[in-house]
């Protein structure tokens, strides 16, 4: 079988007339360019994209440093949109915002004009179709080794269709070698390889978008039990400097039950991305016992990289996630942070001379945000499999101001909102999500899932504890005026129960092997224990028990530390015993003969 022909470049040429940072203007001298077309700029063939066309002038944004470019240098068109290669070799890889590898090269930096990926690596391929098979877009042609012992489907590009006239035998192939040749209805021959290109700004096609039914389970109790996100859902995590956005995002990436993790570091500081790159290869995947990196793709676009590449990195990440979704897998995209992406939009817009909107951001910021987040979904793929892409984006509002444009526009398009509170973060409370400002739009859909997991009272428990936190906030404002000791015993008990709920359930220790992840079973048991304590303490207080005696019960220390002290293996034994101890201790306080007799 002959090798597939290279993607033919259309002879579109232009000459640079003006340079302005990453924005370059050029006069067309040959051919016709189109908006969003990928081009190569200058003698180093820097990758760029056409933004505007005005008569015989094109404006392009360059995704690499433009140092050394001069007027008169050539801009060469490709004839196709800005695209990335999708195929084997992604899992376990570390790439820049244009999916160019950051490891396995001779340089510490991406070289100007570097191609996306090397074509020299060979991957084991096992065909699952035969000659004369009708091949449609998205169809599984065979299985290919993605790394280690893992095998994943090799998909036909979504746009192809034809009859297989040749199929490669089982063996090792590079990403550019044909593994199938198709004959179309018009009689043309088309080669299919292990990888195909897809435009990053265009959503990959699906057969149908489906309703959400299952949570993206993270193991973080405040999220799963109170502000959940579903598979195929959208969540935003805004927080000021030092509130733990990056740490929480990395924790979710480590412990969520997605099949594939795509982590995009968009304009973040190099030391934060270094932590990701150092930790992920060493982490053990709790689901498989293998390396977590084996099912992860890391796209690192740090703040010292060209600003225009930040804008492309978000689209690169979501396109990679959609590719794995089309295999029938559940992918989760973590973007840190979308504020840096919006800042890149603002800089490019300013250099284009566009009329600025609020805070200098372009007027189309809201629509760009919506277009990105709307690519999250549960879908029926072209081959009738079920897959999903979940998107969780961090937002970095300046000074922690949630009324700034990026946070507001993000909040309008997501269904789950996890604002991080500076005071909780300073108190070393993790996760520092503010339970009074957070919300989830997926609670109605997940009631059935929690019932199946064994908690038919989940919705009522959720409302009760959130009401308890609201009442705590109200009483603490009163206590700052009159003092906590001046409050009636019933209100002091409310504050005690709320504090116990915060410490015993909402706080987690990310460094504890026991507490860093909580299964649904353990979360249900912890909620029932806390709810039972609230019920029994209120009954004891009504029966004449002293509040001070309730507050000094030894069982309170156990409740505060149950997340760290009671492991998954001890759930069935220790939680029933803890319920018994709660009932016994509080019943003893309400019995008359147990009260202290007068002297």
Protein backbone atom coordinates (compact mmCIF):
# COMPACT_ATOMS: atom_id res chain seq x y z
CA UNK A 1 0.00 0.00 0.00
CA UNK A 2 1.42 3.39 -0.94
CA UNK A 3 1.87 6.15 1.61
CA UNK A 4 -0.85 8.72 1.89
CA UNK A 5 -0.15 11.93 0.06
CA UNK A 6 0.77 14.85 2.27
CA UNK A 7 -1.82 17.54 2.85
CA UNK A 8 -1.41 19.69 -0.23
CA UNK A 9 -0.64 23.33 0.48
CA UNK A 10 -2.52 25.88 -1.56
CA UNK A 11 -0.20 28.49 -3.05
CA UNK A 12 -1.50 31.50 -1.16
CA UNK A 13 1.26 34.03 -0.59
CA UNK A 14 1.43 37.46 1.00
CA UNK A 15 4.16 39.88 2.09
CA UNK A 16 4.36 41.46 5.54
CA UNK A 17 3.63 45.19 5.54
CA UNK A 18 3.23 45.90 9.27
CA UNK A 19 4.29 44.24 12.54
CA UNK A 20 2.61 44.79 15.91
CA UNK A 21 3.63 42.12 18.42
CA UNK A 22 1.75 38.91 17.63
CA UNK A 23 -0.46 40.72 15.09
CA UNK A 24 0.91 40.96 11.55
CA UNK A 25 -0.54 42.59 8.44
CA UNK A 26 0.40 41.35 4.98
CA UNK A 27 -0.47 42.26 1.39
CA UNK A 28 -1.77 39.36 -0.73
CA UNK A 29 0.40 38.76 -3.77
CA UNK A 30 -0.95 35.39 -4.91
CA UNK A 31 -4.09 33.31 -4.36
CA UNK A 32 -6.96 33.86 -1.93
CA UNK A 33 -6.85 33.50 1.82
CA UNK A 34 -9.80 32.69 4.10
CA UNK A 35 -10.60 33.64 7.69
CA UNK A 36 -9.24 31.12 10.26
CA UNK A 37 -6.82 29.70 7.68
CA UNK A 38 -3.54 28.42 9.12
CA UNK A 39 -0.50 30.16 7.64
CA UNK A 40 3.28 30.09 8.01
CA UNK A 41 5.07 33.38 8.57
CA UNK A 42 8.64 34.39 7.76
CA UNK A 43 11.77 32.36 7.09
CA UNK A 44 11.25 30.28 10.25
CA UNK A 45 7.71 29.32 9.15
CA UNK A 46 6.05 30.53 12.35
CA UNK A 47 2.53 29.15 12.80
CA UNK A 48 -0.24 31.76 12.57
CA UNK A 49 -3.94 32.13 11.79
CA UNK A 50 -5.82 34.60 9.61
CA UNK A 51 -8.07 36.90 11.64
CA UNK A 52 -9.26 39.52 9.15
CA UNK A 53 -9.34 40.05 5.39
CA UNK A 54 -9.73 43.54 3.94
CA UNK A 55 -9.44 43.83 0.15
CA UNK A 56 -5.85 42.76 -0.58
CA UNK A 57 -4.68 42.84 3.06
CA UNK A 58 -4.81 40.04 5.60
CA UNK A 59 -4.32 40.32 9.35
CA UNK A 60 -2.93 37.27 11.13
CA UNK A 61 -2.13 36.41 14.74
CA UNK A 62 1.18 34.60 15.22
CA UNK A 63 1.34 31.87 17.87
CA UNK A 64 5.09 32.19 18.36
CA UNK A 65 7.45 35.06 19.14
CA UNK A 66 7.73 37.45 16.22
CA UNK A 67 11.26 38.59 17.07
CA UNK A 68 13.34 38.72 13.90
CA UNK A 69 10.46 39.20 11.46
CA UNK A 70 10.75 42.06 8.97
CA UNK A 71 8.49 43.76 6.49
CA UNK A 72 8.63 42.00 3.18
CA UNK A 73 8.86 38.52 4.73
CA UNK A 74 6.59 35.92 3.18
CA UNK A 75 3.28 34.66 4.60
CA UNK A 76 2.34 31.29 3.10
CA UNK A 77 -1.21 29.93 3.25
CA UNK A 78 -2.09 26.30 3.87
CA UNK A 79 -5.62 26.23 2.47
CA UNK A 80 -7.08 24.68 5.63
CA UNK A 81 -8.13 25.98 9.09
CA UNK A 82 -5.92 25.89 12.15
CA UNK A 83 -5.97 22.17 12.99
CA UNK A 84 -4.28 19.68 15.28
CA UNK A 85 -3.38 16.02 14.68
CA UNK A 86 -5.50 13.51 16.61
CA UNK A 87 -4.29 9.96 16.97
CA UNK A 88 -2.07 7.66 19.05
CA UNK A 89 0.62 9.15 21.24
CA UNK A 90 -1.61 11.68 23.00
CA UNK A 91 -2.15 9.85 26.28
CA UNK A 92 0.73 10.37 28.65
CA UNK A 93 2.02 13.28 26.59
CA UNK A 94 2.90 16.86 27.50
CA UNK A 95 2.24 19.44 24.79
CA UNK A 96 2.13 23.17 24.22
CA UNK A 97 -1.02 25.07 23.25
CA UNK A 98 -0.75 23.95 19.62
CA UNK A 99 -0.21 20.27 20.53
CA UNK A 100 3.52 20.32 19.90
CA UNK A 101 5.45 17.99 22.24
CA UNK A 102 7.35 19.52 25.14
CA UNK A 103 9.25 16.34 25.94
CA UNK A 104 11.46 14.10 23.90
CA UNK A 105 13.13 17.01 22.07
CA UNK A 106 16.70 18.29 22.15
CA UNK A 107 15.73 21.78 23.37
CA UNK A 108 14.19 23.10 26.57
CA UNK A 109 11.89 25.28 24.44
CA UNK A 110 9.59 24.77 21.50
CA UNK A 111 11.56 25.73 18.42
CA UNK A 112 10.14 28.36 16.03
CA UNK A 113 8.16 26.67 13.28
CA UNK A 114 8.27 23.28 15.00
CA UNK A 115 5.78 20.77 13.60
CA UNK A 116 3.05 19.38 15.79
CA UNK A 117 4.39 15.87 16.37
CA UNK A 118 7.08 13.56 15.06
CA UNK A 119 5.98 10.94 12.52
CA UNK A 120 8.80 8.51 13.33
CA UNK A 121 7.17 6.67 16.27
CA UNK A 122 5.50 3.40 15.36
CA UNK A 123 2.32 2.13 17.04
CA UNK A 124 0.85 -1.40 17.07
CA UNK A 125 -2.32 -1.60 14.97
CA UNK A 126 -4.88 -4.41 14.85
CA UNK A 127 -7.59 -4.09 12.12
CA UNK A 128 -11.26 -4.72 12.90
CA UNK A 129 -12.62 -4.29 9.38
CA UNK A 130 -12.01 -6.25 6.19
CA UNK A 131 -11.95 -5.50 2.52
CA UNK A 132 -15.33 -4.37 1.09
CA UNK A 133 -16.47 -3.05 4.49
CA UNK A 134 -18.50 0.15 4.22
CA UNK A 135 -16.66 2.76 6.31
CA UNK A 136 -18.47 5.80 7.67
CA UNK A 137 -17.18 8.82 9.55
CA UNK A 138 -16.27 8.03 13.16
CA UNK A 139 -16.32 4.27 12.56
CA UNK A 140 -13.82 2.06 14.43
CA UNK A 141 -11.33 0.75 11.89
CA UNK A 142 -9.17 -1.12 14.37
CA UNK A 143 -7.37 -0.96 17.68
CA UNK A 144 -4.13 0.86 18.30
CA UNK A 145 -1.76 0.86 21.25
CA UNK A 146 -1.73 4.29 22.87
CA UNK A 147 0.97 3.54 25.39
CA UNK A 148 1.93 0.62 27.58
CA UNK A 149 -0.64 -2.14 27.27
CA UNK A 150 -3.58 0.18 26.60
CA UNK A 151 -5.50 -0.25 23.36
CA UNK A 152 -8.01 2.29 22.12
CA UNK A 153 -10.15 2.50 18.98
CA UNK A 154 -8.69 3.90 15.78
CA UNK A 155 -11.43 6.12 14.35
CA UNK A 156 -12.09 7.02 10.76
CA UNK A 157 -12.15 10.82 10.29
CA UNK A 158 -15.70 12.19 10.69
CA UNK A 159 -15.86 13.47 7.11
CA UNK A 160 -14.86 10.27 5.25
CA UNK A 161 -17.15 7.66 3.72
CA UNK A 162 -16.52 4.84 1.27
CA UNK A 163 -15.84 1.15 0.68
CA UNK A 164 -12.59 -0.33 2.00
CA UNK A 165 -10.58 -1.60 -0.96
CA UNK A 166 -7.39 -2.23 1.05
CA UNK A 167 -6.85 -2.81 4.78
CA UNK A 168 -3.45 -3.00 6.45
CA UNK A 169 -2.45 -6.20 8.20
CA UNK A 170 -1.73 -6.31 11.92
CA UNK A 171 1.58 -4.65 12.68
CA UNK A 172 3.40 -1.46 13.67
CA UNK A 173 2.78 1.75 11.71
CA UNK A 174 3.67 5.42 11.93
CA UNK A 175 0.89 7.99 12.20
CA UNK A 176 1.29 8.90 8.51
CA UNK A 177 1.24 5.41 7.02
CA UNK A 178 -2.10 4.32 5.49
CA UNK A 179 -3.93 1.61 7.38
CA UNK A 180 -6.98 1.66 5.11
CA UNK A 181 -7.82 2.81 1.57
CA UNK A 182 -11.38 3.80 0.72
CA UNK A 183 -13.18 4.18 -2.58
CA UNK A 184 -15.79 6.95 -2.49
CA UNK A 185 -19.03 7.11 -4.47
CA UNK A 186 -17.30 9.22 -7.10
CA UNK A 187 -14.62 6.58 -7.56
CA UNK A 188 -11.83 8.53 -5.85
CA UNK A 189 -9.40 6.74 -3.55
CA UNK A 190 -8.82 8.11 -0.03
CA UNK A 191 -6.19 6.88 2.42
CA UNK A 192 -6.93 6.70 6.14
CA UNK A 193 -4.05 6.86 8.60
CA UNK A 194 -3.70 6.38 12.34
CA UNK A 195 -4.12 10.11 12.87
CA UNK A 196 -6.26 12.76 11.25
CA UNK A 197 -6.42 16.54 11.52
CA UNK A 198 -9.36 18.48 12.93
CA UNK A 199 -9.96 22.27 13.16
CA UNK A 200 -9.71 23.31 16.81
CA UNK A 201 -12.50 25.90 16.58
CA UNK A 202 -15.03 23.52 15.07
CA UNK A 203 -16.92 21.08 17.36
CA UNK A 204 -16.60 17.46 16.27
CA UNK A 205 -19.90 16.03 14.98
CA UNK A 206 -22.08 13.68 17.02
CA UNK A 207 -25.29 11.79 16.36
CA UNK A 208 -27.23 13.27 19.30
CA UNK A 209 -26.79 15.21 22.52
CA UNK A 210 -28.26 13.36 25.51
CA UNK A 211 -29.71 14.32 28.87
CA UNK A 212 -27.34 14.15 31.85
CA UNK A 213 -27.93 11.36 34.37
CA UNK A 214 -24.72 10.57 36.28
CA UNK A 215 -22.38 12.72 38.34
CA UNK A 216 -18.74 13.27 37.55
CA UNK A 217 -17.75 11.91 40.93
CA UNK A 218 -14.75 13.74 42.38
CA UNK A 219 -14.35 12.34 45.88
CA UNK A 220 -14.60 15.87 47.31
CA UNK A 221 -17.54 15.83 49.72
CA UNK A 222 -18.62 19.48 49.40
CA UNK A 223 -18.82 19.01 45.63
CA UNK A 224 -20.35 15.55 45.30
CA UNK A 225 -22.91 15.82 48.08
CA UNK A 226 -23.89 19.49 47.82
CA UNK A 227 -22.77 21.14 44.56
CA UNK A 228 -22.29 18.28 42.10
CA UNK A 229 -21.26 18.37 38.47
CA UNK A 230 -22.52 15.75 36.03
CA UNK A 231 -20.69 13.92 33.28
CA UNK A 232 -21.02 16.25 30.36
CA UNK A 233 -21.54 19.22 32.66
CA UNK A 234 -19.96 22.66 32.99
CA UNK A 235 -18.48 24.15 36.15
CA UNK A 236 -16.58 27.31 37.03
CA UNK A 237 -14.27 27.86 39.97
CA UNK A 238 -13.57 31.58 40.55
CA UNK A 239 -11.21 32.69 43.28
CA UNK A 240 -8.70 35.38 44.10
CA UNK A 241 -4.98 34.87 44.51
CA UNK A 242 -4.12 32.33 47.19
CA UNK A 243 -7.55 30.72 47.49
CA UNK A 244 -6.40 27.34 46.17
CA UNK A 245 -7.80 27.24 42.62
CA UNK A 246 -4.88 25.38 41.12
CA UNK A 247 -4.59 22.92 44.01
CA UNK A 248 -8.32 22.11 43.89
CA UNK A 249 -8.26 21.78 40.11
CA UNK A 250 -5.31 19.38 40.31
CA UNK A 251 -7.06 17.42 43.07
CA UNK A 252 -10.18 17.03 40.94
CA UNK A 253 -8.06 15.94 37.99
CA UNK A 254 -6.37 13.29 40.13
CA UNK A 255 -9.49 11.83 41.71
CA UNK A 256 -12.49 12.32 39.41
CA UNK A 257 -13.88 9.20 37.74
CA UNK A 258 -13.38 10.34 34.14
CA UNK A 259 -11.74 7.90 31.71
CA UNK A 260 -9.42 10.55 30.24
CA UNK A 261 -8.05 13.72 31.86
CA UNK A 262 -7.11 16.72 29.71
CA UNK A 263 -5.37 19.39 31.82
CA UNK A 264 -4.80 22.77 30.19
CA UNK A 265 -2.48 25.24 31.90
CA UNK A 266 -3.46 28.43 30.10
CA UNK A 267 -1.10 31.31 30.90
CA UNK A 268 -0.34 30.13 34.44
CA UNK A 269 2.98 30.63 36.18
CA UNK A 270 5.70 28.15 35.34
CA UNK A 271 6.08 26.91 38.93
CA UNK A 272 2.42 25.87 39.06
CA UNK A 273 2.71 23.88 35.84
CA UNK A 274 5.97 22.39 37.11
CA UNK A 275 4.06 20.97 40.08
CA UNK A 276 1.63 19.30 37.68
CA UNK A 277 4.41 17.94 35.48
CA UNK A 278 6.32 16.62 38.51
CA UNK A 279 3.35 15.04 40.31
CA UNK A 280 1.24 13.48 37.55
CA UNK A 281 3.89 11.05 36.26
CA UNK A 282 4.43 9.78 39.82
CA UNK A 283 0.79 9.41 40.85
CA UNK A 284 -0.91 6.05 40.97
CA UNK A 285 -4.29 5.85 39.29
CA UNK A 286 -6.72 4.62 42.00
CA UNK A 287 -8.90 3.03 39.30
CA UNK A 288 -6.26 0.92 37.56
CA UNK A 289 -3.20 0.87 39.81
CA UNK A 290 -1.13 2.15 36.89
CA UNK A 291 0.27 5.66 36.39
CA UNK A 292 -2.35 8.40 36.33
CA UNK A 293 -0.37 9.96 33.50
CA UNK A 294 -1.24 6.99 31.28
CA UNK A 295 -4.79 8.34 30.90
CA UNK A 296 -3.92 12.04 30.95
CA UNK A 297 -3.01 14.68 28.38
CA UNK A 298 -1.29 17.82 29.67
CA UNK A 299 -1.29 21.01 27.61
CA UNK A 300 1.11 23.49 29.15
CA UNK A 301 0.98 27.07 27.94
CA UNK A 302 2.69 29.11 30.62
CA UNK A 303 2.74 32.87 31.03
CA UNK A 304 6.17 33.23 29.40
CA UNK A 305 4.91 31.69 26.15
CA UNK A 306 3.48 33.89 23.36
CA UNK A 307 0.19 35.41 24.46
CA UNK A 308 -1.68 34.48 21.28
CA UNK A 309 -1.01 30.79 21.93
CA UNK A 310 -3.06 31.01 25.15
CA UNK A 311 -6.15 31.72 23.12
CA UNK A 312 -5.57 28.62 20.99
CA UNK A 313 -4.69 26.31 23.90
CA UNK A 314 -8.26 26.22 25.25
CA UNK A 315 -9.61 25.12 21.88
CA UNK A 316 -6.82 22.58 21.51
CA UNK A 317 -7.76 21.05 24.86
CA UNK A 318 -11.48 20.77 24.14
CA UNK A 319 -10.79 19.25 20.70
CA UNK A 320 -8.55 16.58 22.26
CA UNK A 321 -11.27 15.84 24.83
CA UNK A 322 -13.89 15.50 22.06
CA UNK A 323 -11.63 13.06 20.23
CA UNK A 324 -11.61 10.68 23.21
CA UNK A 325 -15.34 11.29 23.70
CA UNK A 326 -15.92 10.00 20.18
CA UNK A 327 -14.35 6.70 21.26
CA UNK A 328 -17.16 6.24 23.78
CA UNK A 329 -15.06 7.46 26.71
CA UNK A 330 -15.82 10.01 29.41
CA UNK A 331 -13.32 12.87 29.20
CA UNK A 332 -12.84 15.72 31.67
CA UNK A 333 -11.19 19.00 30.68
CA UNK A 334 -9.61 21.16 33.39
CA UNK A 335 -8.70 24.69 32.30
CA UNK A 336 -6.47 26.81 34.53
CA UNK A 337 -7.29 29.56 34.01
CA UNK A 338 -9.84 30.89 31.56
CA UNK A 339 -9.08 34.43 32.77
CA UNK A 340 -5.68 34.22 31.07
CA UNK A 341 -7.46 33.13 27.90
CA UNK A 342 -9.74 36.17 28.14
CA UNK A 343 -6.71 38.40 28.68
CA UNK A 344 -5.18 37.03 25.48
CA UNK A 345 -8.41 37.91 23.65
CA UNK A 346 -8.22 41.41 25.09
CA UNK A 347 -4.63 41.94 23.96
CA UNK A 348 -5.24 40.69 20.43
CA UNK A 349 -8.44 42.75 20.20
CA UNK A 350 -6.56 45.86 21.28
CA UNK A 351 -3.87 45.34 18.67
CA UNK A 352 -6.59 44.96 16.04
CA UNK A 353 -8.01 48.33 17.07
CA UNK A 354 -11.43 46.89 17.93
CA UNK A 355 -13.84 48.91 20.05
CA UNK A 356 -13.34 47.67 23.64
CA UNK A 357 -16.13 46.58 25.93
CA UNK A 358 -16.22 46.49 29.73
CA UNK A 359 -12.77 46.47 31.38
CA UNK A 360 -11.18 46.57 27.93
CA UNK A 361 -12.33 43.07 26.95
CA UNK A 362 -13.73 42.64 23.42
CA UNK A 363 -17.48 42.86 22.95
CA UNK A 364 -17.57 39.22 21.82
CA UNK A 365 -16.12 37.87 25.08
CA UNK A 366 -19.49 36.48 26.22
CA UNK A 367 -20.15 34.65 22.95
CA UNK A 368 -16.65 33.14 22.90
CA UNK A 369 -17.14 31.91 26.45
CA UNK A 370 -20.49 30.36 25.54
CA UNK A 371 -19.09 28.68 22.41
CA UNK A 372 -16.33 27.06 24.45
CA UNK A 373 -18.43 25.81 27.37
CA UNK A 374 -21.25 24.59 25.12
CA UNK A 375 -18.92 21.95 23.71
CA UNK A 376 -19.36 20.08 27.01
CA UNK A 377 -22.07 17.41 26.67
CA UNK A 378 -23.10 13.79 26.95
CA UNK A 379 -23.51 12.51 23.41
CA UNK A 380 -24.35 9.54 21.28
CA UNK A 381 -21.37 9.27 18.97
CA UNK A 382 -21.42 8.60 15.24
CA UNK A 383 -20.98 4.90 16.06
CA UNK A 384 -23.84 4.90 18.64
CA UNK A 385 -21.53 4.77 21.68
CA UNK A 386 -22.10 7.03 24.70
CA UNK A 387 -19.35 9.49 25.53
CA UNK A 388 -19.02 12.80 27.31
CA UNK A 389 -16.86 15.86 27.81
CA UNK A 390 -17.05 17.65 31.16
CA UNK A 391 -15.48 21.10 31.46
CA UNK A 392 -14.22 22.64 34.71
CA UNK A 393 -12.62 26.05 34.35
CA UNK A 394 -10.83 28.14 36.95
CA UNK A 395 -11.36 31.91 36.88
CA UNK A 396 -8.91 34.40 38.37
CA UNK A 397 -10.84 37.63 39.06
CA UNK A 398 -8.49 40.54 39.92
CA UNK A 399 -8.66 41.21 43.64
CA UNK A 400 -11.25 38.46 44.06
CA UNK A 401 -13.93 40.70 42.49
CA UNK A 402 -16.64 38.34 41.22
CA UNK A 403 -18.43 41.21 39.48
CA UNK A 404 -15.70 41.57 36.83
CA UNK A 405 -16.66 40.61 33.23
CA UNK A 406 -14.93 37.22 32.90
CA UNK A 407 -16.53 35.83 36.07
CA UNK A 408 -19.97 37.20 35.21
CA UNK A 409 -19.95 35.89 31.64
CA UNK A 410 -18.71 32.51 32.83
CA UNK A 411 -21.38 32.31 35.51
CA UNK A 412 -24.08 32.86 32.88
CA UNK A 413 -23.07 29.82 30.82
CA UNK A 414 -22.14 27.24 33.46
CA UNK A 415 -24.55 25.24 35.59
CA UNK A 416 -22.26 24.65 38.57
CA UNK A 417 -20.52 27.49 40.42
CA UNK A 418 -17.82 26.92 43.05
CA UNK A 419 -16.64 30.34 44.34
CA UNK A 420 -13.58 30.12 46.55
CA UNK A 421 -13.63 32.16 49.74
CA UNK A 422 -10.49 34.01 50.85
CA UNK A 423 -11.34 33.77 54.58
CA UNK A 424 -11.82 30.00 54.42
CA UNK A 425 -8.56 29.65 52.48
CA UNK A 426 -6.68 31.74 55.06
CA UNK A 427 -8.09 29.48 57.78
CA UNK A 428 -6.47 26.55 55.88
CA UNK A 429 -9.87 25.20 54.97
CA UNK A 430 -9.77 22.92 51.92
CA UNK A 431 -11.65 22.95 49.63
CA UNK A 432 -12.26 26.66 50.25
CA UNK A 433 -15.59 26.68 48.37
CA UNK A 434 -18.07 29.12 49.90
CA UNK A 435 -21.19 26.99 50.55
CA UNK A 436 -23.41 30.09 50.82
CA UNK A 437 -22.54 31.35 47.34
CA UNK A 438 -22.00 28.08 45.49
CA UNK A 439 -24.76 26.36 43.56
CA UNK A 440 -25.42 23.47 41.20
CA UNK A 441 -28.09 23.23 38.53
CA UNK A 442 -27.85 19.44 38.38
CA UNK A 443 -29.39 18.44 41.73
CA UNK A 444 -32.78 17.50 40.28
CA UNK A 445 -31.17 15.15 37.76
CA UNK A 446 -28.98 13.40 40.35
CA UNK A 447 -31.62 12.48 42.94
CA UNK A 448 -32.21 9.11 41.26
CA UNK A 449 -28.46 8.37 41.20
CA UNK A 450 -28.12 9.00 44.93
CA UNK A 451 -31.15 6.82 45.63
CA UNK A 452 -29.52 4.01 43.67
CA UNK A 453 -26.30 4.60 45.60
CA UNK A 454 -28.20 4.02 48.85
CA UNK A 455 -29.31 7.47 50.02
CA UNK A 456 -32.99 8.10 49.35
CA UNK A 457 -32.87 11.14 51.69
CA UNK A 458 -30.09 12.97 49.80
CA UNK A 459 -32.20 15.92 48.58
CA UNK A 460 -33.72 16.51 52.04
CA UNK A 461 -30.34 16.18 53.77
CA UNK A 462 -28.79 18.62 51.32
CA UNK A 463 -31.49 21.24 51.95
CA UNK A 464 -31.30 20.75 55.72
CA UNK A 465 -27.54 21.24 56.02
CA UNK A 466 -27.50 24.20 53.64
CA UNK A 467 -30.25 25.80 55.74
CA UNK A 468 -28.11 25.10 58.81
CA UNK A 469 -25.19 27.01 57.26
CA UNK A 470 -27.46 29.91 56.37
CA UNK A 471 -28.70 30.08 59.95
CA UNK A 472 -25.12 29.91 61.20
CA UNK A 473 -24.17 32.97 59.15
CA UNK A 474 -27.16 34.86 60.58
CA UNK A 475 -26.39 33.88 64.17
CA UNK A 476 -22.69 34.73 63.88
CA UNK A 477 -23.62 38.27 62.88
CA UNK A 478 -25.76 38.49 66.01
CA UNK A 479 -23.03 36.93 68.16
CA UNK A 480 -20.54 39.59 67.08
CA UNK A 481 -22.89 42.16 68.63
CA UNK A 482 -24.15 40.48 71.80
CA UNK A 483 -21.59 37.73 72.28
CA UNK A 484 -22.03 34.01 71.72
CA UNK A 485 -22.71 33.27 75.40
CA UNK A 486 -25.71 35.63 75.32
CA UNK A 487 -27.49 33.53 72.72
CA UNK A 488 -30.19 31.06 73.82
CA UNK A 489 -29.05 27.42 74.16
CA UNK A 490 -30.96 26.39 71.01
CA UNK A 491 -29.05 28.95 68.93
CA UNK A 492 -25.75 27.98 70.51
CA UNK A 493 -26.55 24.39 69.57
CA UNK A 494 -27.20 25.49 65.98
CA UNK A 495 -23.75 27.09 65.86
CA UNK A 496 -22.19 23.94 67.30
CA UNK A 497 -23.89 21.68 64.75
CA UNK A 498 -22.90 23.97 61.87
CA UNK A 499 -19.30 24.09 63.05
CA UNK A 500 -19.31 20.30 63.37
CA UNK A 501 -20.65 19.95 59.83
CA UNK A 502 -17.98 22.29 58.47
CA UNK A 503 -15.14 20.52 60.27
CA UNK A 504 -16.37 16.95 60.04
CA UNK A 505 -17.75 16.88 56.49
CA UNK A 506 -16.92 19.91 54.32
CA UNK A 507 -13.22 20.12 55.25
CA UNK A 508 -10.92 17.53 53.68
CA UNK A 509 -7.22 16.90 54.08
CA UNK A 510 -5.65 16.57 50.64
CA UNK A 511 -2.47 15.17 52.22
CA UNK A 512 -4.24 12.35 54.09
CA UNK A 513 -4.42 9.02 52.29
CA UNK A 514 -7.77 8.38 54.00
CA UNK A 515 -9.37 11.80 53.68
CA UNK A 516 -8.22 12.95 50.23
CA UNK A 517 -11.00 10.98 48.55
CA UNK A 518 -14.41 9.85 49.86
CA UNK A 519 -16.54 7.26 48.10
CA UNK A 520 -20.32 7.66 47.80
CA UNK A 521 -20.79 5.02 50.50
CA UNK A 522 -18.59 6.87 52.99
CA UNK A 523 -20.17 10.24 52.19
CA UNK A 524 -23.65 8.79 52.79
CA UNK A 525 -22.55 7.28 56.12
CA UNK A 526 -20.98 10.56 57.27
CA UNK A 527 -24.09 12.57 56.42
CA UNK A 528 -26.32 10.14 58.31
CA UNK A 529 -24.10 10.30 61.38
CA UNK A 530 -24.11 14.09 61.40
CA UNK A 531 -27.85 14.26 60.80
CA UNK A 532 -28.43 11.84 63.66
CA UNK A 533 -26.30 13.95 65.97
CA UNK A 534 -28.34 17.06 65.10
CA UNK A 535 -31.61 15.20 65.80
CA UNK A 536 -30.46 13.65 69.08
CA UNK A 537 -28.86 16.85 70.39
CA UNK A 538 -32.01 18.85 69.70
CA UNK A 539 -34.08 16.18 71.47
CA UNK A 540 -31.69 16.15 74.44
CA UNK A 541 -31.78 19.95 74.72
CA UNK A 542 -35.58 19.90 74.61
CA UNK A 543 -35.59 17.24 77.34
CA UNK A 544 -33.58 19.43 79.71
CA UNK A 545 -29.95 18.67 78.91
CA UNK A 546 -27.47 21.52 79.34
CA UNK A 547 -25.85 22.89 76.20
CA UNK A 548 -22.45 22.93 77.91
CA UNK A 549 -22.76 19.20 78.58
CA UNK A 550 -23.55 18.54 74.90
CA UNK A 551 -20.60 20.67 73.76
CA UNK A 552 -18.22 18.68 75.99
CA UNK A 553 -19.21 15.21 74.81
CA UNK A 554 -16.15 13.08 73.81
CA UNK A 555 -18.00 11.91 70.68
CA UNK A 556 -17.63 15.40 69.17
CA UNK A 557 -13.90 14.87 68.65
CA UNK A 558 -14.64 11.63 66.80
CA UNK A 559 -17.16 13.42 64.56
CA UNK A 560 -14.71 16.20 63.75
CA UNK A 561 -12.01 13.73 62.71
CA UNK A 562 -14.08 10.94 61.16
CA UNK A 563 -13.02 11.94 57.64
CA UNK A 564 -9.37 11.25 58.48
CA UNK A 565 -9.84 8.45 61.00
CA UNK A 566 -12.44 6.19 59.39
CA UNK A 567 -11.19 4.59 56.19
CA UNK A 568 -13.22 3.06 53.37
CA UNK A 569 -12.58 -0.43 54.73
CA UNK A 570 -14.04 0.54 58.14
CA UNK A 571 -17.29 2.12 56.93
CA UNK A 572 -19.52 -0.88 57.68
CA UNK A 573 -18.13 -1.40 61.19
CA UNK A 574 -17.31 2.00 62.65
CA UNK A 575 -20.15 4.21 61.44
CA UNK A 576 -22.93 2.03 62.96
CA UNK A 577 -20.92 1.99 66.19
CA UNK A 578 -20.62 5.78 66.02
CA UNK A 579 -24.39 6.12 65.58
CA UNK A 580 -24.90 3.98 68.66
CA UNK A 581 -22.43 6.07 70.66
CA UNK A 582 -24.18 9.33 69.63
CA UNK A 583 -27.58 8.02 70.71
CA UNK A 584 -26.23 6.61 74.00
CA UNK A 585 -24.30 9.76 74.95
CA UNK A 586 -27.14 12.18 74.28
CA UNK A 587 -29.79 9.95 75.79
CA UNK A 588 -27.74 9.85 79.00
CA UNK A 589 -27.74 13.66 79.21
CA UNK A 590 -31.51 13.87 78.99
CA UNK A 591 -32.23 11.28 81.73
CA UNK A 592 -33.08 12.91 85.10
CA UNK A 593 -31.06 10.45 87.18
CA UNK A 594 -27.99 11.21 85.11
CA UNK A 595 -28.07 14.91 85.96
CA UNK A 596 -25.83 16.15 88.75
CA UNK A 597 -27.68 16.09 92.07
CA UNK A 598 -27.74 19.29 94.21
CA UNK A 599 -25.28 19.47 97.10
